Amino acid sequence: MAEPRIELLRGAQIATQLDALAALRIAVFREWPYLYEGTVDYEKKYLGTYLRSPRSLAILAWEDGQCIGASTVLPLADAEPQAQAPFLAAGLPVAPIDYFGESVILRPWRGIGLGVKFFELREAHAREHGLSTCAFCAVERPSDHPARPADHVPNDAFWNRRGYRKEPALRTRFDWLDVGAAQSSAKPMSFWIREL
């Protein structure tokens, strides 16, 4: 398998690949643990935060004209209020923190190093903007959730190897529609942090 082509888009440039990014997010987040019943309208609203920030970055991986992976990042000061809230509530300044959005990769291209590449490029983004801390949040689902695959392996070990630690005190909630649900519901999210 050839190495995927990496494309970097900043701020308003992300609009040029908005449809590809939205479609990829909808496809990957439909899987466990997100179980996201995505819509293009919801995606455009969510990704609008990145389009409005001149300091945002979208990293897209392409194979034969198909977007097979993507990751986003922007300073936490430019992120949506739900991302900032736990830091502000804890009395922590948001200005030095780079907020990592999603990292999504289609199944056939997982395990070839794209996840590592996405972390490296987002950490480089933090350094480029003089930010000293990197943070992202991950959904928490009960261990006995009926949709949990029997062979599911959490990403915790991978994140730990990258130097990130889970901060149980830093929690937020994001609303989305679960697959098969009639209405959106709030999902608990825990933050993971790394000091550069």
N, C-alpha and C. Protein backbone atom coordinates (compact mmCIF):
# COMPACT_ATOMS: atom_id res chain seq x y z
N MET A 1 0.85 -1.19 0.00
CA MET A 1 0.00 0.00 0.00
C MET A 1 0.89 1.24 0.00
N ALA A 2 0.64 2.15 -0.95
CA ALA A 2 1.42 3.38 -1.03
C ALA A 2 1.07 4.29 0.14
N GLU A 3 2.03 5.15 0.49
CA GLU A 3 1.78 6.08 1.59
C GLU A 3 0.76 7.12 1.14
N PRO A 4 -0.28 7.36 1.93
CA PRO A 4 -1.29 8.35 1.54
C PRO A 4 -0.70 9.75 1.40
N ARG A 5 -1.29 10.54 0.52
CA ARG A 5 -0.88 11.94 0.35
C ARG A 5 -1.52 12.75 1.47
N ILE A 6 -0.72 13.60 2.11
CA ILE A 6 -1.20 14.44 3.21
C ILE A 6 -1.43 15.86 2.69
N GLU A 7 -2.59 16.40 2.98
CA GLU A 7 -2.94 17.77 2.60
C GLU A 7 -3.22 18.56 3.87
N LEU A 8 -2.63 19.75 3.97
CA LEU A 8 -2.83 20.63 5.12
C LEU A 8 -3.65 21.84 4.67
N LEU A 9 -4.76 22.07 5.35
CA LEU A 9 -5.63 23.21 5.05
C LEU A 9 -5.80 24.04 6.31
N ARG A 10 -5.69 25.36 6.15
CA ARG A 10 -5.76 26.26 7.30
C ARG A 10 -6.97 27.19 7.20
N GLY A 11 -7.65 27.34 8.32
CA GLY A 11 -8.76 28.29 8.39
C GLY A 11 -9.79 28.12 7.29
N ALA A 12 -10.06 29.20 6.57
CA ALA A 12 -11.09 29.18 5.53
C ALA A 12 -10.77 28.22 4.40
N GLN A 13 -9.51 27.82 4.23
CA GLN A 13 -9.15 26.85 3.19
C GLN A 13 -9.89 25.51 3.39
N ILE A 14 -10.25 25.21 4.62
CA ILE A 14 -10.92 23.94 4.93
C ILE A 14 -12.21 23.81 4.13
N ALA A 15 -12.82 24.95 3.79
CA ALA A 15 -14.07 24.92 3.03
C ALA A 15 -13.91 24.21 1.69
N THR A 16 -12.70 24.20 1.13
CA THR A 16 -12.48 23.55 -0.18
C THR A 16 -12.65 22.03 -0.10
N GLN A 17 -12.53 21.46 1.09
CA GLN A 17 -12.69 20.01 1.26
C GLN A 17 -13.74 19.68 2.33
N LEU A 18 -14.66 20.61 2.55
CA LEU A 18 -15.66 20.44 3.60
C LEU A 18 -16.51 19.19 3.38
N ASP A 19 -16.93 18.94 2.14
CA ASP A 19 -17.77 17.78 1.87
C ASP A 19 -17.03 16.47 2.15
N ALA A 20 -15.77 16.39 1.73
CA ALA A 20 -14.98 15.17 1.97
C ALA A 20 -14.76 14.95 3.46
N LEU A 21 -14.46 16.02 4.18
CA LEU A 21 -14.23 15.92 5.62
C LEU A 21 -15.51 15.51 6.35
N ALA A 22 -16.62 16.12 5.97
CA ALA A 22 -17.91 15.78 6.60
C ALA A 22 -18.27 14.32 6.34
N ALA A 23 -18.12 13.85 5.10
CA ALA A 23 -18.46 12.47 4.76
C ALA A 23 -17.60 11.48 5.54
N LEU A 24 -16.31 11.79 5.67
CA LEU A 24 -15.42 10.91 6.41
C LEU A 24 -15.80 10.85 7.89
N ARG A 25 -16.06 12.01 8.49
CA ARG A 25 -16.46 12.06 9.90
C ARG A 25 -17.75 11.26 10.12
N ILE A 26 -18.72 11.42 9.25
CA ILE A 26 -19.98 10.71 9.38
C ILE A 26 -19.74 9.20 9.31
N ALA A 27 -18.91 8.75 8.38
CA ALA A 27 -18.66 7.31 8.21
C ALA A 27 -17.94 6.71 9.41
N VAL A 28 -16.88 7.36 9.88
CA VAL A 28 -16.07 6.78 10.96
C VAL A 28 -16.78 6.91 12.31
N PHE A 29 -17.39 8.04 12.57
CA PHE A 29 -18.03 8.24 13.86
C PHE A 29 -19.33 7.44 14.01
N ARG A 30 -19.80 6.82 12.94
CA ARG A 30 -20.96 5.94 13.05
C ARG A 30 -20.58 4.68 13.84
N GLU A 31 -19.29 4.34 13.87
CA GLU A 31 -18.79 3.17 14.56
C GLU A 31 -18.69 3.42 16.07
N TRP A 32 -18.53 2.33 16.82
CA TRP A 32 -18.25 2.40 18.25
C TRP A 32 -16.95 3.16 18.46
N PRO A 33 -16.81 4.01 19.47
CA PRO A 33 -17.77 4.26 20.55
C PRO A 33 -18.67 5.47 20.33
N TYR A 34 -18.55 6.14 19.18
CA TYR A 34 -19.32 7.36 18.99
C TYR A 34 -20.77 7.09 18.58
N LEU A 35 -20.99 6.10 17.71
CA LEU A 35 -22.35 5.71 17.31
C LEU A 35 -23.15 6.90 16.80
N TYR A 36 -22.50 7.73 16.02
CA TYR A 36 -23.01 9.03 15.59
C TYR A 36 -23.84 8.90 14.31
N GLU A 37 -25.08 9.31 14.40
CA GLU A 37 -25.98 9.35 13.24
C GLU A 37 -25.82 10.73 12.61
N GLY A 38 -24.75 10.90 11.85
CA GLY A 38 -24.38 12.22 11.35
C GLY A 38 -25.20 12.71 10.18
N THR A 39 -25.24 14.01 10.07
CA THR A 39 -25.86 14.67 8.92
C THR A 39 -24.90 15.72 8.40
N VAL A 40 -25.01 16.03 7.12
CA VAL A 40 -24.15 17.04 6.53
C VAL A 40 -24.41 18.40 7.18
N ASP A 41 -25.66 18.71 7.49
CA ASP A 41 -25.97 20.00 8.13
C ASP A 41 -25.28 20.12 9.49
N TYR A 42 -25.34 19.05 10.30
CA TYR A 42 -24.67 19.08 11.60
C TYR A 42 -23.17 19.27 11.41
N GLU A 43 -22.60 18.56 10.43
CA GLU A 43 -21.17 18.65 10.17
C GLU A 43 -20.76 20.07 9.78
N LYS A 44 -21.51 20.68 8.92
CA LYS A 44 -21.17 22.03 8.46
C LYS A 44 -21.22 23.02 9.63
N LYS A 45 -22.20 22.84 10.52
CA LYS A 45 -22.27 23.70 11.70
C LYS A 45 -21.06 23.47 12.60
N TYR A 46 -20.75 22.19 12.88
CA TYR A 46 -19.61 21.86 13.74
C TYR A 46 -18.29 22.37 13.13
N LEU A 47 -18.08 22.09 11.85
CA LEU A 47 -16.81 22.47 11.22
C LEU A 47 -16.71 23.97 10.97
N GLY A 48 -17.82 24.70 11.09
CA GLY A 48 -17.78 26.15 10.96
C GLY A 48 -16.81 26.79 11.95
N THR A 49 -16.66 26.19 13.13
CA THR A 49 -15.71 26.71 14.12
C THR A 49 -14.30 26.73 13.54
N TYR A 50 -13.94 25.70 12.79
CA TYR A 50 -12.61 25.62 12.19
C TYR A 50 -12.46 26.59 11.01
N LEU A 51 -13.54 26.76 10.24
CA LEU A 51 -13.50 27.69 9.12
C LEU A 51 -13.31 29.13 9.59
N ARG A 52 -13.88 29.46 10.75
CA ARG A 52 -13.81 30.83 11.27
C ARG A 52 -12.49 31.15 11.96
N SER A 53 -11.73 30.14 12.32
CA SER A 53 -10.47 30.39 13.03
C SER A 53 -9.31 30.40 12.05
N PRO A 54 -8.62 31.54 11.91
CA PRO A 54 -7.46 31.56 11.01
C PRO A 54 -6.30 30.70 11.52
N ARG A 55 -6.40 30.28 12.79
CA ARG A 55 -5.33 29.46 13.37
C ARG A 55 -5.66 27.97 13.38
N SER A 56 -6.74 27.58 12.72
CA SER A 56 -7.11 26.16 12.69
C SER A 56 -6.34 25.43 11.59
N LEU A 57 -6.32 24.11 11.72
CA LEU A 57 -5.65 23.26 10.73
C LEU A 57 -6.46 21.98 10.55
N ALA A 58 -6.70 21.62 9.30
CA ALA A 58 -7.28 20.31 8.97
C ALA A 58 -6.22 19.54 8.20
N ILE A 59 -5.99 18.32 8.63
CA ILE A 59 -5.01 17.44 8.00
C ILE A 59 -5.81 16.33 7.31
N LEU A 60 -5.70 16.23 6.00
CA LEU A 60 -6.44 15.22 5.26
C LEU A 60 -5.47 14.25 4.61
N ALA A 61 -5.78 12.97 4.67
CA ALA A 61 -4.99 11.93 4.02
C ALA A 61 -5.79 11.39 2.83
N TRP A 62 -5.13 11.32 1.68
CA TRP A 62 -5.80 10.93 0.44
C TRP A 62 -5.14 9.69 -0.16
N GLU A 63 -5.97 8.82 -0.71
CA GLU A 63 -5.51 7.62 -1.43
C GLU A 63 -6.38 7.46 -2.67
N ASP A 64 -5.78 7.56 -3.85
CA ASP A 64 -6.51 7.41 -5.12
C ASP A 64 -7.75 8.31 -5.18
N GLY A 65 -7.60 9.57 -4.77
CA GLY A 65 -8.69 10.52 -4.85
C GLY A 65 -9.74 10.42 -3.76
N GLN A 66 -9.54 9.49 -2.81
CA GLN A 66 -10.49 9.32 -1.71
C GLN A 66 -9.87 9.83 -0.42
N CYS A 67 -10.65 10.62 0.34
CA CYS A 67 -10.18 11.06 1.66
C CYS A 67 -10.36 9.88 2.61
N ILE A 68 -9.22 9.33 3.08
CA ILE A 68 -9.27 8.12 3.89
C ILE A 68 -8.94 8.38 5.36
N GLY A 69 -8.54 9.61 5.68
CA GLY A 69 -8.25 9.96 7.05
C GLY A 69 -8.19 11.47 7.21
N ALA A 70 -8.48 11.95 8.41
CA ALA A 70 -8.44 13.39 8.65
C ALA A 70 -8.31 13.66 10.14
N SER A 71 -7.77 14.82 10.43
CA SER A 71 -7.63 15.26 11.81
C SER A 71 -7.70 16.78 11.83
N THR A 72 -8.20 17.34 12.91
CA THR A 72 -8.31 18.79 13.02
C THR A 72 -7.71 19.28 14.34
N VAL A 73 -7.35 20.56 14.34
CA VAL A 73 -6.77 21.18 15.53
C VAL A 73 -6.96 22.69 15.43
N LEU A 74 -7.16 23.33 16.57
CA LEU A 74 -7.19 24.78 16.66
C LEU A 74 -6.92 25.18 18.10
N PRO A 75 -6.46 26.40 18.32
CA PRO A 75 -6.26 26.83 19.70
C PRO A 75 -7.56 26.74 20.49
N LEU A 76 -7.47 26.29 21.73
CA LEU A 76 -8.68 26.14 22.56
C LEU A 76 -9.41 27.47 22.69
N ALA A 77 -8.69 28.57 22.65
CA ALA A 77 -9.32 29.89 22.74
C ALA A 77 -10.28 30.14 21.57
N ASP A 78 -10.09 29.43 20.45
CA ASP A 78 -10.95 29.57 19.27
C ASP A 78 -12.02 28.48 19.21
N ALA A 79 -12.00 27.53 20.13
CA ALA A 79 -12.89 26.37 20.08
C ALA A 79 -14.26 26.70 20.65
N GLU A 80 -15.19 25.77 20.48
CA GLU A 80 -16.55 25.95 20.97
C GLU A 80 -16.58 25.98 22.50
N PRO A 81 -17.59 26.61 23.09
CA PRO A 81 -17.66 26.77 24.54
C PRO A 81 -17.60 25.45 25.32
N GLN A 82 -18.19 24.36 24.77
CA GLN A 82 -18.17 23.08 25.50
C GLN A 82 -16.76 22.57 25.71
N ALA A 83 -15.86 22.87 24.78
CA ALA A 83 -14.47 22.44 24.91
C ALA A 83 -13.73 23.29 25.95
N GLN A 84 -14.04 24.56 26.00
CA GLN A 84 -13.37 25.46 26.94
C GLN A 84 -13.87 25.32 28.37
N ALA A 85 -15.15 24.98 28.53
CA ALA A 85 -15.82 25.04 29.83
C ALA A 85 -15.09 24.33 30.97
N PRO A 86 -14.62 23.08 30.82
CA PRO A 86 -14.00 22.42 31.97
C PRO A 86 -12.70 23.09 32.41
N PHE A 87 -11.98 23.68 31.49
CA PHE A 87 -10.73 24.37 31.83
C PHE A 87 -11.05 25.66 32.58
N LEU A 88 -12.02 26.41 32.09
CA LEU A 88 -12.41 27.65 32.76
C LEU A 88 -12.97 27.36 34.15
N ALA A 89 -13.77 26.31 34.28
CA ALA A 89 -14.34 25.94 35.58
C ALA A 89 -13.26 25.55 36.57
N ALA A 90 -12.15 25.00 36.07
CA ALA A 90 -11.04 24.59 36.94
C ALA A 90 -10.06 25.73 37.17
N GLY A 91 -10.35 26.91 36.61
CA GLY A 91 -9.46 28.05 36.79
C GLY A 91 -8.20 27.97 35.94
N LEU A 92 -8.24 27.19 34.87
CA LEU A 92 -7.08 27.04 33.99
C LEU A 92 -7.22 27.96 32.78
N PRO A 93 -6.15 28.65 32.39
CA PRO A 93 -6.24 29.52 31.22
C PRO A 93 -6.33 28.68 29.94
N VAL A 94 -7.16 29.12 29.00
CA VAL A 94 -7.28 28.40 27.74
C VAL A 94 -6.24 28.86 26.71
N ALA A 95 -5.67 30.05 26.90
CA ALA A 95 -4.77 30.64 25.90
C ALA A 95 -3.58 29.76 25.52
N PRO A 96 -2.94 29.01 26.43
CA PRO A 96 -1.78 28.22 26.02
C PRO A 96 -2.10 26.81 25.51
N ILE A 97 -3.38 26.50 25.32
CA ILE A 97 -3.77 25.12 24.99
C ILE A 97 -4.19 24.99 23.53
N ASP A 98 -3.67 23.95 22.86
CA ASP A 98 -4.11 23.60 21.52
C ASP A 98 -5.11 22.46 21.65
N TYR A 99 -6.27 22.63 21.03
CA TYR A 99 -7.36 21.66 21.14
C TYR A 99 -7.40 20.78 19.90
N PHE A 100 -7.22 19.49 20.12
CA PHE A 100 -7.27 18.52 19.03
C PHE A 100 -8.71 18.08 18.84
N GLY A 101 -9.24 18.30 17.65
CA GLY A 101 -10.56 17.79 17.32
C GLY A 101 -10.45 16.30 16.99
N GLU A 102 -11.19 15.88 16.00
CA GLU A 102 -11.22 14.45 15.68
C GLU A 102 -9.94 13.97 15.00
N SER A 103 -9.75 12.69 15.07
CA SER A 103 -8.76 11.97 14.28
C SER A 103 -9.51 10.75 13.77
N VAL A 104 -9.84 10.75 12.48
CA VAL A 104 -10.69 9.70 11.91
C VAL A 104 -9.99 9.07 10.72
N ILE A 105 -10.01 7.74 10.69
CA ILE A 105 -9.34 6.98 9.63
C ILE A 105 -10.25 5.82 9.24
N LEU A 106 -10.46 5.66 7.95
CA LEU A 106 -11.25 4.52 7.49
C LEU A 106 -10.54 3.22 7.84
N ARG A 107 -11.30 2.21 8.19
CA ARG A 107 -10.76 0.94 8.71
C ARG A 107 -9.61 0.35 7.89
N PRO A 108 -9.69 0.26 6.55
CA PRO A 108 -8.60 -0.38 5.81
C PRO A 108 -7.24 0.32 5.94
N TRP A 109 -7.24 1.58 6.37
CA TRP A 109 -5.99 2.33 6.47
C TRP A 109 -5.55 2.54 7.92
N ARG A 110 -6.17 1.85 8.85
CA ARG A 110 -5.73 1.94 10.24
C ARG A 110 -4.52 1.03 10.46
N GLY A 111 -3.65 1.45 11.36
CA GLY A 111 -2.49 0.63 11.68
C GLY A 111 -1.31 0.82 10.75
N ILE A 112 -1.34 1.85 9.89
CA ILE A 112 -0.20 2.09 8.98
C ILE A 112 0.57 3.36 9.35
N GLY A 113 0.24 3.94 10.52
CA GLY A 113 0.98 5.10 11.00
C GLY A 113 0.30 6.44 10.84
N LEU A 114 -0.91 6.46 10.28
CA LEU A 114 -1.60 7.75 10.11
C LEU A 114 -1.94 8.40 11.44
N GLY A 115 -2.36 7.60 12.42
CA GLY A 115 -2.69 8.16 13.74
C GLY A 115 -1.50 8.86 14.36
N VAL A 116 -0.33 8.25 14.26
CA VAL A 116 0.91 8.87 14.78
C VAL A 116 1.20 10.15 14.01
N LYS A 117 1.08 10.09 12.67
CA LYS A 117 1.34 11.27 11.84
C LYS A 117 0.42 12.42 12.22
N PHE A 118 -0.87 12.10 12.46
CA PHE A 118 -1.81 13.15 12.83
C PHE A 118 -1.41 13.80 14.15
N PHE A 119 -0.99 13.00 15.14
CA PHE A 119 -0.54 13.57 16.40
C PHE A 119 0.69 14.44 16.19
N GLU A 120 1.65 13.98 15.41
CA GLU A 120 2.88 14.75 15.17
C GLU A 120 2.55 16.10 14.53
N LEU A 121 1.67 16.10 13.54
CA LEU A 121 1.34 17.34 12.85
C LEU A 121 0.54 18.30 13.74
N ARG A 122 -0.33 17.75 14.60
CA ARG A 122 -1.07 18.64 15.50
C ARG A 122 -0.16 19.19 16.59
N GLU A 123 0.78 18.41 17.07
CA GLU A 123 1.75 18.91 18.06
C GLU A 123 2.64 19.98 17.42
N ALA A 124 3.02 19.78 16.14
CA ALA A 124 3.79 20.80 15.43
C ALA A 124 2.98 22.09 15.29
N HIS A 125 1.67 21.96 15.09
CA HIS A 125 0.78 23.13 15.03
C HIS A 125 0.82 23.89 16.35
N ALA A 126 0.78 23.18 17.46
CA ALA A 126 0.84 23.84 18.77
C ALA A 126 2.14 24.63 18.91
N ARG A 127 3.25 24.01 18.54
CA ARG A 127 4.56 24.70 18.65
C ARG A 127 4.60 25.91 17.72
N GLU A 128 4.07 25.77 16.53
CA GLU A 128 4.04 26.87 15.55
C GLU A 128 3.30 28.09 16.11
N HIS A 129 2.27 27.84 16.91
CA HIS A 129 1.47 28.94 17.47
C HIS A 129 1.87 29.29 18.90
N GLY A 130 3.00 28.74 19.36
CA GLY A 130 3.50 29.08 20.69
C GLY A 130 2.65 28.55 21.82
N LEU A 131 1.94 27.43 21.59
CA LEU A 131 1.08 26.85 22.61
C LEU A 131 1.82 25.72 23.32
N SER A 132 1.68 25.64 24.63
CA SER A 132 2.50 24.74 25.43
C SER A 132 1.81 23.45 25.85
N THR A 133 0.49 23.37 25.64
CA THR A 133 -0.28 22.20 26.08
C THR A 133 -1.16 21.73 24.94
N CYS A 134 -1.28 20.41 24.81
CA CYS A 134 -2.19 19.82 23.83
C CYS A 134 -3.28 19.07 24.59
N ALA A 135 -4.51 19.17 24.10
CA ALA A 135 -5.64 18.54 24.78
C ALA A 135 -6.64 18.03 23.77
N PHE A 136 -7.26 16.91 24.08
CA PHE A 136 -8.38 16.42 23.29
C PHE A 136 -9.34 15.71 24.24
N CYS A 137 -10.56 15.49 23.79
CA CYS A 137 -11.51 14.76 24.63
C CYS A 137 -12.04 13.55 23.87
N ALA A 138 -12.40 12.54 24.65
CA ALA A 138 -12.91 11.29 24.09
C ALA A 138 -14.20 10.92 24.81
N VAL A 139 -15.12 10.34 24.05
CA VAL A 139 -16.41 9.95 24.62
C VAL A 139 -16.23 8.81 25.62
N GLU A 140 -17.07 8.83 26.64
CA GLU A 140 -17.11 7.74 27.62
C GLU A 140 -18.41 6.98 27.44
N ARG A 141 -18.31 5.69 27.24
CA ARG A 141 -19.48 4.83 27.13
C ARG A 141 -19.40 3.77 28.23
N PRO A 142 -20.53 3.34 28.77
CA PRO A 142 -20.49 2.29 29.79
C PRO A 142 -19.90 1.00 29.23
N SER A 143 -19.16 0.27 30.06
CA SER A 143 -18.52 -0.97 29.62
C SER A 143 -19.54 -2.03 29.23
N ASP A 144 -20.77 -1.90 29.73
CA ASP A 144 -21.80 -2.89 29.40
C ASP A 144 -22.78 -2.37 28.32
N HIS A 145 -22.37 -1.35 27.57
CA HIS A 145 -23.23 -0.80 26.52
C HIS A 145 -23.54 -1.90 25.50
N PRO A 146 -24.80 -2.05 25.11
CA PRO A 146 -25.17 -3.16 24.21
C PRO A 146 -24.51 -3.10 22.84
N ALA A 147 -24.06 -1.92 22.40
CA ALA A 147 -23.44 -1.81 21.08
C ALA A 147 -21.92 -1.99 21.12
N ARG A 148 -21.36 -2.19 22.31
CA ARG A 148 -19.91 -2.33 22.43
C ARG A 148 -19.45 -3.65 21.79
N PRO A 149 -18.56 -3.60 20.81
CA PRO A 149 -18.07 -4.84 20.20
C PRO A 149 -17.25 -5.65 21.20
N ALA A 150 -17.37 -6.95 21.13
CA ALA A 150 -16.65 -7.83 22.07
C ALA A 150 -15.15 -7.69 21.93
N ASP A 151 -14.67 -7.37 20.74
CA ASP A 151 -13.22 -7.28 20.50
C ASP A 151 -12.69 -5.84 20.56
N HIS A 152 -13.49 -4.92 21.10
CA HIS A 152 -13.06 -3.51 21.13
C HIS A 152 -11.82 -3.32 22.01
N VAL A 153 -10.82 -2.62 21.45
CA VAL A 153 -9.62 -2.26 22.19
C VAL A 153 -9.58 -0.73 22.27
N PRO A 154 -9.67 -0.15 23.46
CA PRO A 154 -9.65 1.31 23.58
C PRO A 154 -8.32 1.89 23.10
N ASN A 155 -8.32 3.17 22.78
CA ASN A 155 -7.11 3.85 22.33
C ASN A 155 -6.22 4.32 23.47
N ASP A 156 -6.61 4.05 24.71
CA ASP A 156 -5.88 4.59 25.87
C ASP A 156 -4.39 4.29 25.83
N ALA A 157 -4.00 3.06 25.50
CA ALA A 157 -2.56 2.69 25.49
C ALA A 157 -1.82 3.50 24.42
N PHE A 158 -2.43 3.69 23.26
CA PHE A 158 -1.82 4.49 22.20
C PHE A 158 -1.63 5.93 22.67
N TRP A 159 -2.66 6.49 23.29
CA TRP A 159 -2.57 7.87 23.77
C TRP A 159 -1.51 8.00 24.86
N ASN A 160 -1.43 7.02 25.75
CA ASN A 160 -0.40 7.05 26.79
C ASN A 160 1.00 7.00 26.19
N ARG A 161 1.19 6.18 25.17
CA ARG A 161 2.50 6.10 24.51
C ARG A 161 2.89 7.43 23.87
N ARG A 162 1.89 8.19 23.46
CA ARG A 162 2.15 9.51 22.87
C ARG A 162 2.41 10.57 23.95
N GLY A 163 2.32 10.19 25.23
CA GLY A 163 2.60 11.12 26.32
C GLY A 163 1.38 11.82 26.89
N TYR A 164 0.18 11.37 26.51
CA TYR A 164 -1.05 11.99 27.02
C TYR A 164 -1.54 11.26 28.27
N ARG A 165 -2.12 12.03 29.17
CA ARG A 165 -2.68 11.44 30.39
C ARG A 165 -4.13 11.91 30.53
N LYS A 166 -4.94 11.00 30.99
CA LYS A 166 -6.36 11.32 31.19
C LYS A 166 -6.50 12.17 32.44
N GLU A 167 -7.31 13.22 32.33
CA GLU A 167 -7.57 14.14 33.45
C GLU A 167 -9.03 14.00 33.84
N PRO A 168 -9.35 13.10 34.77
CA PRO A 168 -10.76 12.84 35.13
C PRO A 168 -11.52 14.08 35.59
N ALA A 169 -10.81 15.07 36.12
CA ALA A 169 -11.50 16.28 36.59
C ALA A 169 -11.93 17.18 35.44
N LEU A 170 -11.35 16.99 34.26
CA LEU A 170 -11.69 17.82 33.11
C LEU A 170 -12.65 17.04 32.21
N ARG A 171 -13.92 17.34 32.38
CA ARG A 171 -14.97 16.62 31.65
C ARG A 171 -15.95 17.63 31.06
N THR A 172 -16.51 17.26 29.91
CA THR A 172 -17.53 18.09 29.28
C THR A 172 -18.57 17.16 28.66
N ARG A 173 -19.53 17.77 27.96
CA ARG A 173 -20.58 16.98 27.30
C ARG A 173 -20.81 17.58 25.91
N PHE A 174 -20.98 16.69 24.95
CA PHE A 174 -21.36 17.10 23.60
C PHE A 174 -22.62 16.35 23.23
N ASP A 175 -23.52 17.03 22.53
CA ASP A 175 -24.78 16.42 22.09
C ASP A 175 -24.67 15.94 20.65
N TRP A 176 -25.15 14.73 20.39
CA TRP A 176 -25.35 14.27 19.03
C TRP A 176 -26.39 13.16 19.03
N LEU A 177 -26.87 12.84 17.83
CA LEU A 177 -27.87 11.81 17.66
C LEU A 177 -27.17 10.46 17.50
N ASP A 178 -27.49 9.52 18.39
CA ASP A 178 -26.95 8.17 18.27
C ASP A 178 -27.65 7.41 17.15
N VAL A 179 -26.95 6.46 16.55
CA VAL A 179 -27.54 5.59 15.55
C VAL A 179 -28.77 4.92 16.16
N GLY A 180 -29.90 5.05 15.47
CA GLY A 180 -31.14 4.43 15.93
C GLY A 180 -31.92 5.21 16.96
N ALA A 181 -31.39 6.35 17.41
CA ALA A 181 -32.09 7.15 18.42
C ALA A 181 -33.06 8.13 17.76
N ALA A 182 -34.06 8.55 18.52
CA ALA A 182 -35.06 9.48 18.01
C ALA A 182 -34.64 10.93 18.21
N GLN A 183 -33.79 11.19 19.21
CA GLN A 183 -33.36 12.56 19.47
C GLN A 183 -31.93 12.58 20.01
N SER A 184 -31.31 13.73 19.89
CA SER A 184 -29.93 13.90 20.38
C SER A 184 -29.88 13.76 21.89
N SER A 185 -28.71 13.37 22.39
CA SER A 185 -28.51 13.30 23.84
C SER A 185 -27.08 13.71 24.15
N ALA A 186 -26.88 14.16 25.38
CA ALA A 186 -25.55 14.62 25.80
C ALA A 186 -24.67 13.41 26.13
N LYS A 187 -23.43 13.46 25.65
CA LYS A 187 -22.47 12.38 25.90
C LYS A 187 -21.35 12.91 26.77
N PRO A 188 -20.99 12.18 27.84
CA PRO A 188 -19.85 12.61 28.65
C PRO A 188 -18.54 12.41 27.90
N MET A 189 -17.67 13.39 28.03
CA MET A 189 -16.37 13.38 27.35
C MET A 189 -15.29 13.69 28.39
N SER A 190 -14.20 12.93 28.35
CA SER A 190 -13.06 13.17 29.25
C SER A 190 -11.88 13.70 28.45
N PHE A 191 -11.16 14.63 29.06
CA PHE A 191 -10.00 15.22 28.39
C PHE A 191 -8.72 14.45 28.68
N TRP A 192 -7.86 14.44 27.69
CA TRP A 192 -6.50 13.92 27.77
C TRP A 192 -5.57 15.09 27.47
N ILE A 193 -4.45 15.17 28.21
CA ILE A 193 -3.57 16.35 28.19
C ILE A 193 -2.12 15.92 27.99
N ARG A 194 -1.38 16.75 27.28
CA ARG A 194 0.09 16.59 27.22
C ARG A 194 0.72 17.97 27.22
N GLU A 195 1.74 18.12 28.05
CA GLU A 195 2.55 19.34 28.04
C GLU A 195 3.68 19.13 27.04
N LEU A 196 3.89 20.09 26.18
CA LEU A 196 4.98 19.97 25.20
C LEU A 196 6.31 20.41 25.80
